[in-house]
Amino acid sequence: MAYIEQVSIEDATGKTARLYQSAVQRAGDVANIIRVMSRDGVSATASMDLYVAIMKTENSLSGSRREMLATVVSNANDCFYWTLSHARDFGRESGNNELAELLVFDYRKCDFSEMDITLCEYAIELTCRPTEVSQTSIDRLRKVGFSDDQITIATQVISYFNYINRIADGLGVD
C-alpha cells in the first residue's frame, strides 16, 4: 500500500489525466508506479516519457538486454516491485521464462553469454559502486563487443532503474 494518497483515475485532471489515459492505452491499466507519482503530473509524465524512450523504443540494445538490466538493477536495490515486473518482461522478450525465474534471484546462476555477464557486472558496479566506474569499466564492455551506442543506452537503463526503484520504495509501491 502506497505511503501517500494517490490521485484516482476519476479525479485526475490535466497532465495526470493525460498520463493515466496514455497508460491505459499502452498497457490496459494504470501501473502502481504511475499512480504513486500522480501528485505531480509534470514530473510523472517526464519520468514515463523517459521510460518509454529507453525501454519501449527500438534502439541499439535489444529489448531482452534492457529488461535483463532492469531486473538486475532492481534486484541489487532489493526493489521487489520492479524485479518481478521486469523479470516477467525479460521472459517475454527473451522467450525464456525459466531463465527469467533464475534472473530474479541471481544473474550469475543464469546461462548467459560473456557479453551479458559483463553487462550485468557493469550494472552492479554502476548501481552499488558508482564511484568505481572508470574507463576500464567501459573498455571491458567494448572488449566483449558492445558499441558506444549500446553502452550509452545500457547506462541510461541502469541509471533510470536506480532512480525509479527509489521512487517505488520511497513511496511504498507494492
N, C-alpha and C. Protein backbone atom coordinates (compact mmCIF):
# COMPACT_ATOMS: atom_id res chain seq x y z
N MET A 1 0.84 -1.18 0.00
CA MET A 1 0.00 0.00 0.00
C MET A 1 0.89 1.24 0.00
N ALA A 2 0.59 2.17 -0.88
CA ALA A 2 1.39 3.38 -1.00
C ALA A 2 1.35 4.18 0.30
N TYR A 3 2.44 4.89 0.56
CA TYR A 3 2.56 5.70 1.76
C TYR A 3 1.87 7.05 1.63
N ILE A 4 1.52 7.43 0.41
CA ILE A 4 0.88 8.72 0.18
C ILE A 4 -0.44 8.51 -0.55
N GLU A 5 -1.29 9.50 -0.47
CA GLU A 5 -2.57 9.43 -1.19
C GLU A 5 -2.30 9.63 -2.68
N GLN A 6 -2.94 8.80 -3.48
CA GLN A 6 -2.78 8.85 -4.93
C GLN A 6 -4.00 9.50 -5.56
N VAL A 7 -3.79 10.11 -6.70
CA VAL A 7 -4.90 10.70 -7.44
C VAL A 7 -5.65 9.56 -8.15
N SER A 8 -6.94 9.47 -7.91
CA SER A 8 -7.73 8.42 -8.56
C SER A 8 -7.90 8.74 -10.04
N ILE A 9 -8.21 7.73 -10.80
CA ILE A 9 -8.44 7.92 -12.23
C ILE A 9 -9.59 8.91 -12.43
N GLU A 10 -10.62 8.78 -11.62
CA GLU A 10 -11.80 9.65 -11.74
C GLU A 10 -11.50 11.11 -11.40
N ASP A 11 -10.55 11.34 -10.48
CA ASP A 11 -10.23 12.70 -10.03
C ASP A 11 -9.06 13.34 -10.78
N ALA A 12 -8.43 12.59 -11.66
CA ALA A 12 -7.26 13.11 -12.36
C ALA A 12 -7.65 14.22 -13.33
N THR A 13 -6.81 15.25 -13.37
CA THR A 13 -7.00 16.35 -14.31
C THR A 13 -5.67 16.69 -14.97
N GLY A 14 -5.74 17.48 -16.01
CA GLY A 14 -4.53 17.99 -16.65
C GLY A 14 -3.56 16.91 -17.07
N LYS A 15 -2.26 17.14 -16.76
CA LYS A 15 -1.20 16.20 -17.17
C LYS A 15 -1.40 14.82 -16.55
N THR A 16 -1.88 14.79 -15.32
CA THR A 16 -2.10 13.49 -14.68
C THR A 16 -3.18 12.70 -15.41
N ALA A 17 -4.25 13.35 -15.80
CA ALA A 17 -5.32 12.68 -16.55
C ALA A 17 -4.79 12.17 -17.89
N ARG A 18 -3.97 12.99 -18.57
CA ARG A 18 -3.41 12.56 -19.85
C ARG A 18 -2.43 11.39 -19.66
N LEU A 19 -1.67 11.43 -18.57
CA LEU A 19 -0.74 10.35 -18.27
C LEU A 19 -1.50 9.05 -18.01
N TYR A 20 -2.57 9.14 -17.24
CA TYR A 20 -3.41 7.96 -16.97
C TYR A 20 -4.01 7.41 -18.26
N GLN A 21 -4.52 8.30 -19.10
CA GLN A 21 -5.11 7.86 -20.36
C GLN A 21 -4.08 7.16 -21.24
N SER A 22 -2.89 7.71 -21.29
CA SER A 22 -1.81 7.12 -22.08
C SER A 22 -1.44 5.74 -21.53
N ALA A 23 -1.39 5.61 -20.22
CA ALA A 23 -1.06 4.33 -19.59
C ALA A 23 -2.11 3.28 -19.94
N VAL A 24 -3.36 3.66 -19.88
CA VAL A 24 -4.45 2.72 -20.19
C VAL A 24 -4.36 2.31 -21.66
N GLN A 25 -4.09 3.26 -22.54
CA GLN A 25 -3.97 2.93 -23.97
C GLN A 25 -2.79 2.00 -24.23
N ARG A 26 -1.66 2.24 -23.54
CA ARG A 26 -0.44 1.47 -23.77
C ARG A 26 -0.50 0.09 -23.10
N ALA A 27 -1.01 0.05 -21.85
CA ALA A 27 -0.90 -1.18 -21.06
C ALA A 27 -2.24 -1.74 -20.58
N GLY A 28 -3.32 -1.03 -20.84
CA GLY A 28 -4.63 -1.52 -20.41
C GLY A 28 -4.99 -1.14 -18.99
N ASP A 29 -4.08 -0.52 -18.26
CA ASP A 29 -4.31 -0.13 -16.87
C ASP A 29 -3.28 0.92 -16.49
N VAL A 30 -3.48 1.53 -15.33
CA VAL A 30 -2.52 2.49 -14.80
C VAL A 30 -1.67 1.75 -13.77
N ALA A 31 -0.39 1.59 -14.06
CA ALA A 31 0.53 0.88 -13.16
C ALA A 31 0.64 1.60 -11.82
N ASN A 32 0.92 0.82 -10.79
CA ASN A 32 1.06 1.39 -9.45
C ASN A 32 2.14 2.47 -9.38
N ILE A 33 3.21 2.32 -10.12
CA ILE A 33 4.28 3.33 -10.09
C ILE A 33 3.77 4.66 -10.63
N ILE A 34 2.90 4.63 -11.62
CA ILE A 34 2.33 5.87 -12.17
C ILE A 34 1.37 6.48 -11.16
N ARG A 35 0.57 5.64 -10.54
CA ARG A 35 -0.38 6.14 -9.54
C ARG A 35 0.34 6.84 -8.39
N VAL A 36 1.46 6.25 -7.93
CA VAL A 36 2.15 6.83 -6.78
C VAL A 36 2.84 8.15 -7.15
N MET A 37 3.14 8.36 -8.41
CA MET A 37 3.75 9.62 -8.83
C MET A 37 2.70 10.65 -9.26
N SER A 38 1.43 10.30 -9.13
CA SER A 38 0.34 11.11 -9.67
C SER A 38 0.17 12.48 -9.02
N ARG A 39 0.77 12.71 -7.88
CA ARG A 39 0.65 14.01 -7.21
C ARG A 39 1.31 15.11 -8.02
N ASP A 40 2.25 14.74 -8.86
CA ASP A 40 2.97 15.72 -9.69
C ASP A 40 2.96 15.22 -11.14
N GLY A 41 1.93 15.62 -11.87
CA GLY A 41 1.76 15.16 -13.23
C GLY A 41 2.89 15.52 -14.17
N VAL A 42 3.54 16.66 -13.92
CA VAL A 42 4.63 17.09 -14.80
C VAL A 42 5.82 16.15 -14.70
N SER A 43 6.30 15.89 -13.48
CA SER A 43 7.47 15.03 -13.35
C SER A 43 7.12 13.57 -13.63
N ALA A 44 5.90 13.15 -13.29
CA ALA A 44 5.48 11.78 -13.60
C ALA A 44 5.46 11.56 -15.11
N THR A 45 4.96 12.53 -15.84
CA THR A 45 4.94 12.42 -17.30
C THR A 45 6.36 12.38 -17.86
N ALA A 46 7.24 13.22 -17.35
CA ALA A 46 8.63 13.23 -17.82
C ALA A 46 9.30 11.88 -17.52
N SER A 47 9.04 11.34 -16.35
CA SER A 47 9.62 10.04 -15.99
C SER A 47 9.12 8.94 -16.93
N MET A 48 7.83 8.92 -17.18
CA MET A 48 7.27 7.89 -18.06
C MET A 48 7.71 8.08 -19.50
N ASP A 49 7.87 9.33 -19.93
CA ASP A 49 8.39 9.57 -21.28
C ASP A 49 9.81 9.02 -21.42
N LEU A 50 10.63 9.22 -20.38
CA LEU A 50 11.99 8.68 -20.42
C LEU A 50 11.95 7.16 -20.43
N TYR A 51 11.08 6.58 -19.61
CA TYR A 51 10.93 5.12 -19.58
C TYR A 51 10.59 4.58 -20.98
N VAL A 52 9.61 5.18 -21.61
CA VAL A 52 9.20 4.72 -22.94
C VAL A 52 10.35 4.90 -23.93
N ALA A 53 11.07 6.01 -23.84
CA ALA A 53 12.17 6.27 -24.77
C ALA A 53 13.28 5.23 -24.65
N ILE A 54 13.65 4.85 -23.43
CA ILE A 54 14.77 3.93 -23.29
C ILE A 54 14.36 2.46 -23.26
N MET A 55 13.11 2.18 -22.86
CA MET A 55 12.71 0.78 -22.71
C MET A 55 11.79 0.27 -23.82
N LYS A 56 11.01 1.13 -24.41
CA LYS A 56 9.99 0.67 -25.37
C LYS A 56 10.22 1.15 -26.79
N THR A 57 11.26 1.92 -27.01
CA THR A 57 11.59 2.42 -28.34
C THR A 57 12.77 1.61 -28.87
N GLU A 58 12.68 1.16 -30.10
CA GLU A 58 13.77 0.38 -30.67
C GLU A 58 15.05 1.21 -30.68
N ASN A 59 16.13 0.59 -30.21
CA ASN A 59 17.43 1.24 -30.23
C ASN A 59 18.50 0.17 -30.39
N SER A 60 19.75 0.50 -30.17
CA SER A 60 20.84 -0.42 -30.46
C SER A 60 21.01 -1.55 -29.44
N LEU A 61 20.32 -1.48 -28.32
CA LEU A 61 20.39 -2.54 -27.31
C LEU A 61 19.08 -3.32 -27.34
N SER A 62 19.15 -4.62 -27.43
CA SER A 62 17.94 -5.43 -27.56
C SER A 62 17.00 -5.25 -26.37
N GLY A 63 15.72 -5.47 -26.63
CA GLY A 63 14.72 -5.38 -25.58
C GLY A 63 15.00 -6.35 -24.44
N SER A 64 15.46 -7.56 -24.76
CA SER A 64 15.74 -8.52 -23.69
C SER A 64 16.91 -8.07 -22.83
N ARG A 65 17.92 -7.45 -23.43
CA ARG A 65 19.04 -6.94 -22.62
C ARG A 65 18.59 -5.76 -21.75
N ARG A 66 17.74 -4.92 -22.27
CA ARG A 66 17.23 -3.80 -21.44
C ARG A 66 16.43 -4.34 -20.26
N GLU A 67 15.60 -5.35 -20.52
CA GLU A 67 14.81 -5.95 -19.43
C GLU A 67 15.71 -6.70 -18.45
N MET A 68 16.75 -7.34 -18.95
CA MET A 68 17.72 -8.01 -18.08
C MET A 68 18.35 -6.99 -17.14
N LEU A 69 18.77 -5.85 -17.68
CA LEU A 69 19.38 -4.80 -16.86
C LEU A 69 18.39 -4.25 -15.82
N ALA A 70 17.16 -4.02 -16.24
CA ALA A 70 16.14 -3.52 -15.31
C ALA A 70 15.96 -4.48 -14.14
N THR A 71 15.97 -5.78 -14.44
CA THR A 71 15.81 -6.79 -13.40
C THR A 71 17.03 -6.85 -12.48
N VAL A 72 18.22 -6.85 -13.06
CA VAL A 72 19.45 -6.94 -12.28
C VAL A 72 19.59 -5.73 -11.34
N VAL A 73 19.34 -4.55 -11.87
CA VAL A 73 19.44 -3.34 -11.05
C VAL A 73 18.40 -3.37 -9.93
N SER A 74 17.18 -3.71 -10.27
CA SER A 74 16.10 -3.74 -9.27
C SER A 74 16.39 -4.78 -8.19
N ASN A 75 16.93 -5.92 -8.59
CA ASN A 75 17.31 -6.94 -7.62
C ASN A 75 18.43 -6.43 -6.71
N ALA A 76 19.43 -5.78 -7.28
CA ALA A 76 20.54 -5.25 -6.49
C ALA A 76 20.04 -4.21 -5.48
N ASN A 77 18.98 -3.51 -5.84
CA ASN A 77 18.40 -2.49 -4.95
C ASN A 77 17.34 -3.06 -4.01
N ASP A 78 17.13 -4.38 -4.06
CA ASP A 78 16.09 -5.03 -3.26
C ASP A 78 14.71 -4.43 -3.51
N CYS A 79 14.46 -4.05 -4.75
CA CYS A 79 13.17 -3.48 -5.13
C CYS A 79 12.31 -4.59 -5.73
N PHE A 80 11.51 -5.20 -4.89
CA PHE A 80 10.69 -6.35 -5.26
C PHE A 80 9.74 -6.02 -6.41
N TYR A 81 9.10 -4.85 -6.35
CA TYR A 81 8.12 -4.45 -7.37
C TYR A 81 8.73 -4.52 -8.77
N TRP A 82 9.87 -3.84 -8.96
CA TRP A 82 10.47 -3.78 -10.28
C TRP A 82 11.19 -5.06 -10.67
N THR A 83 11.77 -5.77 -9.68
CA THR A 83 12.45 -7.03 -10.01
C THR A 83 11.48 -8.00 -10.67
N LEU A 84 10.33 -8.20 -10.04
CA LEU A 84 9.36 -9.15 -10.59
C LEU A 84 8.76 -8.66 -11.90
N SER A 85 8.45 -7.38 -11.96
CA SER A 85 7.84 -6.82 -13.16
C SER A 85 8.75 -7.00 -14.38
N HIS A 86 10.02 -6.68 -14.21
CA HIS A 86 10.92 -6.72 -15.37
C HIS A 86 11.49 -8.11 -15.63
N ALA A 87 11.52 -8.97 -14.63
CA ALA A 87 11.86 -10.37 -14.89
C ALA A 87 10.79 -10.98 -15.80
N ARG A 88 9.53 -10.66 -15.51
CA ARG A 88 8.43 -11.14 -16.36
C ARG A 88 8.61 -10.60 -17.79
N ASP A 89 8.94 -9.32 -17.90
CA ASP A 89 9.15 -8.73 -19.23
C ASP A 89 10.36 -9.34 -19.92
N PHE A 90 11.41 -9.64 -19.14
CA PHE A 90 12.59 -10.31 -19.71
C PHE A 90 12.19 -11.67 -20.28
N GLY A 91 11.39 -12.41 -19.53
CA GLY A 91 10.92 -13.72 -20.01
C GLY A 91 10.16 -13.60 -21.32
N ARG A 92 9.32 -12.58 -21.41
CA ARG A 92 8.57 -12.35 -22.64
C ARG A 92 9.49 -11.96 -23.79
N GLU A 93 10.42 -11.05 -23.54
CA GLU A 93 11.33 -10.57 -24.59
C GLU A 93 12.29 -11.66 -25.06
N SER A 94 12.78 -12.46 -24.11
CA SER A 94 13.78 -13.48 -24.45
C SER A 94 13.13 -14.79 -24.88
N GLY A 95 11.85 -14.95 -24.56
CA GLY A 95 11.17 -16.21 -24.84
C GLY A 95 11.60 -17.32 -23.90
N ASN A 96 12.18 -16.96 -22.75
CA ASN A 96 12.70 -17.96 -21.83
C ASN A 96 12.26 -17.62 -20.39
N ASN A 97 11.10 -18.12 -20.00
CA ASN A 97 10.57 -17.84 -18.67
C ASN A 97 11.38 -18.53 -17.57
N GLU A 98 11.98 -19.68 -17.87
CA GLU A 98 12.83 -20.36 -16.88
C GLU A 98 14.02 -19.49 -16.52
N LEU A 99 14.65 -18.93 -17.52
CA LEU A 99 15.80 -18.04 -17.30
C LEU A 99 15.35 -16.80 -16.53
N ALA A 100 14.18 -16.31 -16.84
CA ALA A 100 13.65 -15.14 -16.13
C ALA A 100 13.47 -15.43 -14.64
N GLU A 101 13.02 -16.64 -14.32
CA GLU A 101 12.86 -17.00 -12.90
C GLU A 101 14.21 -17.03 -12.20
N LEU A 102 15.24 -17.55 -12.85
CA LEU A 102 16.58 -17.54 -12.26
C LEU A 102 17.10 -16.12 -12.09
N LEU A 103 16.81 -15.28 -13.05
CA LEU A 103 17.28 -13.89 -13.03
C LEU A 103 16.75 -13.14 -11.81
N VAL A 104 15.58 -13.49 -11.35
CA VAL A 104 15.00 -12.84 -10.16
C VAL A 104 15.93 -13.00 -8.96
N PHE A 105 16.63 -14.12 -8.90
CA PHE A 105 17.46 -14.41 -7.73
C PHE A 105 18.92 -14.00 -7.91
N ASP A 106 19.51 -14.32 -9.07
CA ASP A 106 20.93 -14.03 -9.24
C ASP A 106 21.33 -14.24 -10.70
N TYR A 107 21.75 -13.19 -11.35
CA TYR A 107 22.13 -13.29 -12.76
C TYR A 107 23.29 -14.26 -12.96
N ARG A 108 24.12 -14.46 -11.92
CA ARG A 108 25.27 -15.36 -12.06
C ARG A 108 24.87 -16.82 -12.18
N LYS A 109 23.63 -17.13 -11.83
CA LYS A 109 23.13 -18.51 -11.95
C LYS A 109 22.52 -18.76 -13.34
N CYS A 110 22.43 -17.71 -14.13
CA CYS A 110 21.86 -17.81 -15.47
C CYS A 110 22.92 -18.25 -16.47
N ASP A 111 22.51 -18.96 -17.47
CA ASP A 111 23.42 -19.40 -18.52
C ASP A 111 23.52 -18.28 -19.56
N PHE A 112 24.15 -17.19 -19.16
CA PHE A 112 24.29 -16.02 -20.01
C PHE A 112 25.61 -16.07 -20.77
N SER A 113 25.64 -15.37 -21.89
CA SER A 113 26.87 -15.21 -22.67
C SER A 113 27.84 -14.31 -21.90
N GLU A 114 29.09 -14.32 -22.35
CA GLU A 114 30.10 -13.43 -21.75
C GLU A 114 29.66 -11.97 -21.87
N MET A 115 29.03 -11.62 -22.99
CA MET A 115 28.56 -10.24 -23.17
C MET A 115 27.54 -9.89 -22.09
N ASP A 116 26.57 -10.79 -21.88
CA ASP A 116 25.52 -10.49 -20.91
C ASP A 116 26.04 -10.46 -19.48
N ILE A 117 26.94 -11.37 -19.13
CA ILE A 117 27.54 -11.36 -17.79
C ILE A 117 28.30 -10.05 -17.57
N THR A 118 29.08 -9.64 -18.56
CA THR A 118 29.84 -8.39 -18.46
C THR A 118 28.89 -7.20 -18.30
N LEU A 119 27.79 -7.20 -19.02
CA LEU A 119 26.81 -6.13 -18.92
C LEU A 119 26.17 -6.12 -17.53
N CYS A 120 25.85 -7.28 -17.01
CA CYS A 120 25.28 -7.37 -15.66
C CYS A 120 26.28 -6.88 -14.61
N GLU A 121 27.53 -7.25 -14.78
CA GLU A 121 28.57 -6.79 -13.84
C GLU A 121 28.70 -5.27 -13.88
N TYR A 122 28.61 -4.70 -15.06
CA TYR A 122 28.63 -3.23 -15.17
C TYR A 122 27.42 -2.62 -14.46
N ALA A 123 26.26 -3.25 -14.61
CA ALA A 123 25.05 -2.76 -13.93
C ALA A 123 25.23 -2.77 -12.42
N ILE A 124 25.81 -3.82 -11.90
CA ILE A 124 26.05 -3.91 -10.45
C ILE A 124 27.07 -2.86 -10.01
N GLU A 125 28.11 -2.70 -10.79
CA GLU A 125 29.13 -1.70 -10.46
C GLU A 125 28.53 -0.30 -10.42
N LEU A 126 27.77 0.07 -11.45
CA LEU A 126 27.18 1.41 -11.51
C LEU A 126 26.13 1.60 -10.42
N THR A 127 25.42 0.54 -10.06
CA THR A 127 24.38 0.61 -9.05
C THR A 127 24.96 0.65 -7.63
N CYS A 128 25.89 -0.22 -7.36
CA CYS A 128 26.39 -0.40 -5.98
C CYS A 128 27.68 0.34 -5.68
N ARG A 129 28.47 0.60 -6.70
CA ARG A 129 29.77 1.25 -6.51
C ARG A 129 30.02 2.28 -7.61
N PRO A 130 29.13 3.26 -7.74
CA PRO A 130 29.23 4.17 -8.89
C PRO A 130 30.56 4.93 -8.98
N THR A 131 31.20 5.18 -7.86
CA THR A 131 32.47 5.92 -7.92
C THR A 131 33.61 5.06 -8.46
N GLU A 132 33.38 3.75 -8.58
CA GLU A 132 34.41 2.86 -9.14
C GLU A 132 34.32 2.72 -10.65
N VAL A 133 33.23 3.21 -11.25
CA VAL A 133 33.11 3.14 -12.71
C VAL A 133 34.21 4.01 -13.31
N SER A 134 34.90 3.43 -14.30
CA SER A 134 36.05 4.13 -14.90
C SER A 134 36.14 3.76 -16.38
N GLN A 135 37.16 4.28 -17.00
CA GLN A 135 37.43 3.93 -18.40
C GLN A 135 37.58 2.42 -18.54
N THR A 136 38.17 1.78 -17.55
CA THR A 136 38.35 0.33 -17.57
C THR A 136 36.99 -0.38 -17.64
N SER A 137 36.01 0.14 -16.93
CA SER A 137 34.66 -0.45 -16.94
C SER A 137 34.09 -0.42 -18.36
N ILE A 138 34.26 0.70 -19.01
CA ILE A 138 33.74 0.86 -20.37
C ILE A 138 34.54 0.02 -21.35
N ASP A 139 35.83 -0.03 -21.17
CA ASP A 139 36.69 -0.84 -22.04
C ASP A 139 36.34 -2.32 -21.95
N ARG A 140 35.95 -2.81 -20.75
CA ARG A 140 35.52 -4.21 -20.61
C ARG A 140 34.29 -4.48 -21.49
N LEU A 141 33.36 -3.53 -21.50
CA LEU A 141 32.15 -3.68 -22.33
C LEU A 141 32.51 -3.69 -23.81
N ARG A 142 33.39 -2.79 -24.20
CA ARG A 142 33.82 -2.74 -25.60
C ARG A 142 34.53 -4.05 -25.99
N LYS A 143 35.36 -4.56 -25.09
CA LYS A 143 36.15 -5.77 -25.39
C LYS A 143 35.26 -6.97 -25.70
N VAL A 144 34.10 -7.06 -25.06
CA VAL A 144 33.21 -8.21 -25.33
C VAL A 144 32.26 -7.94 -26.49
N GLY A 145 32.33 -6.72 -27.07
CA GLY A 145 31.57 -6.47 -28.29
C GLY A 145 30.51 -5.39 -28.26
N PHE A 146 30.39 -4.67 -27.15
CA PHE A 146 29.38 -3.61 -27.10
C PHE A 146 29.90 -2.33 -27.76
N SER A 147 29.03 -1.69 -28.53
CA SER A 147 29.36 -0.41 -29.16
C SER A 147 29.12 0.72 -28.17
N ASP A 148 29.64 1.88 -28.48
CA ASP A 148 29.40 3.04 -27.62
C ASP A 148 27.92 3.39 -27.54
N ASP A 149 27.18 3.20 -28.64
CA ASP A 149 25.73 3.42 -28.61
C ASP A 149 25.06 2.49 -27.61
N GLN A 150 25.42 1.22 -27.65
CA GLN A 150 24.84 0.25 -26.73
C GLN A 150 25.22 0.54 -25.27
N ILE A 151 26.45 0.95 -25.06
CA ILE A 151 26.91 1.29 -23.71
C ILE A 151 26.14 2.50 -23.18
N THR A 152 25.89 3.46 -24.04
CA THR A 152 25.12 4.64 -23.63
C THR A 152 23.70 4.26 -23.24
N ILE A 153 23.05 3.45 -24.04
CA ILE A 153 21.68 3.00 -23.72
C ILE A 153 21.70 2.20 -22.42
N ALA A 154 22.64 1.26 -22.29
CA ALA A 154 22.72 0.45 -21.08
C ALA A 154 22.88 1.33 -19.84
N THR A 155 23.73 2.33 -19.93
CA THR A 155 23.95 3.23 -18.79
C THR A 155 22.67 4.00 -18.46
N GLN A 156 21.93 4.40 -19.47
CA GLN A 156 20.66 5.09 -19.22
C GLN A 156 19.64 4.16 -18.56
N VAL A 157 19.57 2.92 -19.02
CA VAL A 157 18.64 1.95 -18.41
C VAL A 157 19.02 1.72 -16.95
N ILE A 158 20.28 1.47 -16.70
CA ILE A 158 20.75 1.23 -15.33
C ILE A 158 20.44 2.43 -14.45
N SER A 159 20.74 3.61 -14.92
CA SER A 159 20.52 4.83 -14.13
C SER A 159 19.03 5.08 -13.91
N TYR A 160 18.21 4.87 -14.93
CA TYR A 160 16.77 5.06 -14.78
C TYR A 160 16.22 4.14 -13.70
N PHE A 161 16.64 2.88 -13.71
CA PHE A 161 16.09 1.95 -12.73
C PHE A 161 16.61 2.20 -11.33
N ASN A 162 17.78 2.77 -11.18
CA ASN A 162 18.21 3.20 -9.85
C ASN A 162 17.29 4.31 -9.35
N TYR A 163 16.95 5.23 -10.21
CA TYR A 163 16.02 6.33 -9.86
C TYR A 163 14.62 5.79 -9.55
N ILE A 164 14.05 5.01 -10.45
CA ILE A 164 12.65 4.61 -10.31
C ILE A 164 12.48 3.58 -9.19
N ASN A 165 13.53 2.79 -8.90
CA ASN A 165 13.47 1.89 -7.74
C ASN A 165 13.31 2.69 -6.46
N ARG A 166 13.99 3.81 -6.39
CA ARG A 166 13.91 4.64 -5.18
C ARG A 166 12.55 5.33 -5.06
N ILE A 167 11.96 5.68 -6.18
CA ILE A 167 10.60 6.21 -6.16
C ILE A 167 9.65 5.14 -5.61
N ALA A 168 9.74 3.94 -6.17
CA ALA A 168 8.86 2.84 -5.75
C ALA A 168 9.01 2.54 -4.27
N ASP A 169 10.25 2.38 -3.82
CA ASP A 169 10.47 2.05 -2.42
C ASP A 169 10.20 3.22 -1.49
N GLY A 170 10.55 4.42 -1.94
CA GLY A 170 10.36 5.61 -1.10
C GLY A 170 8.90 5.99 -0.88
N LEU A 171 8.04 5.63 -1.85
CA LEU A 171 6.62 5.97 -1.73
C LEU A 171 5.72 4.76 -1.51
N GLY A 172 6.32 3.59 -1.33
CA GLY A 172 5.57 2.41 -0.94
C GLY A 172 4.77 1.73 -2.04
N VAL A 173 5.34 1.64 -3.23
CA VAL A 173 4.65 0.92 -4.31
C VAL A 173 4.72 -0.56 -4.04
N ASP A 174 3.56 -1.22 -4.16
CA ASP A 174 3.54 -2.67 -3.98
C ASP A 174 3.16 -3.37 -5.27
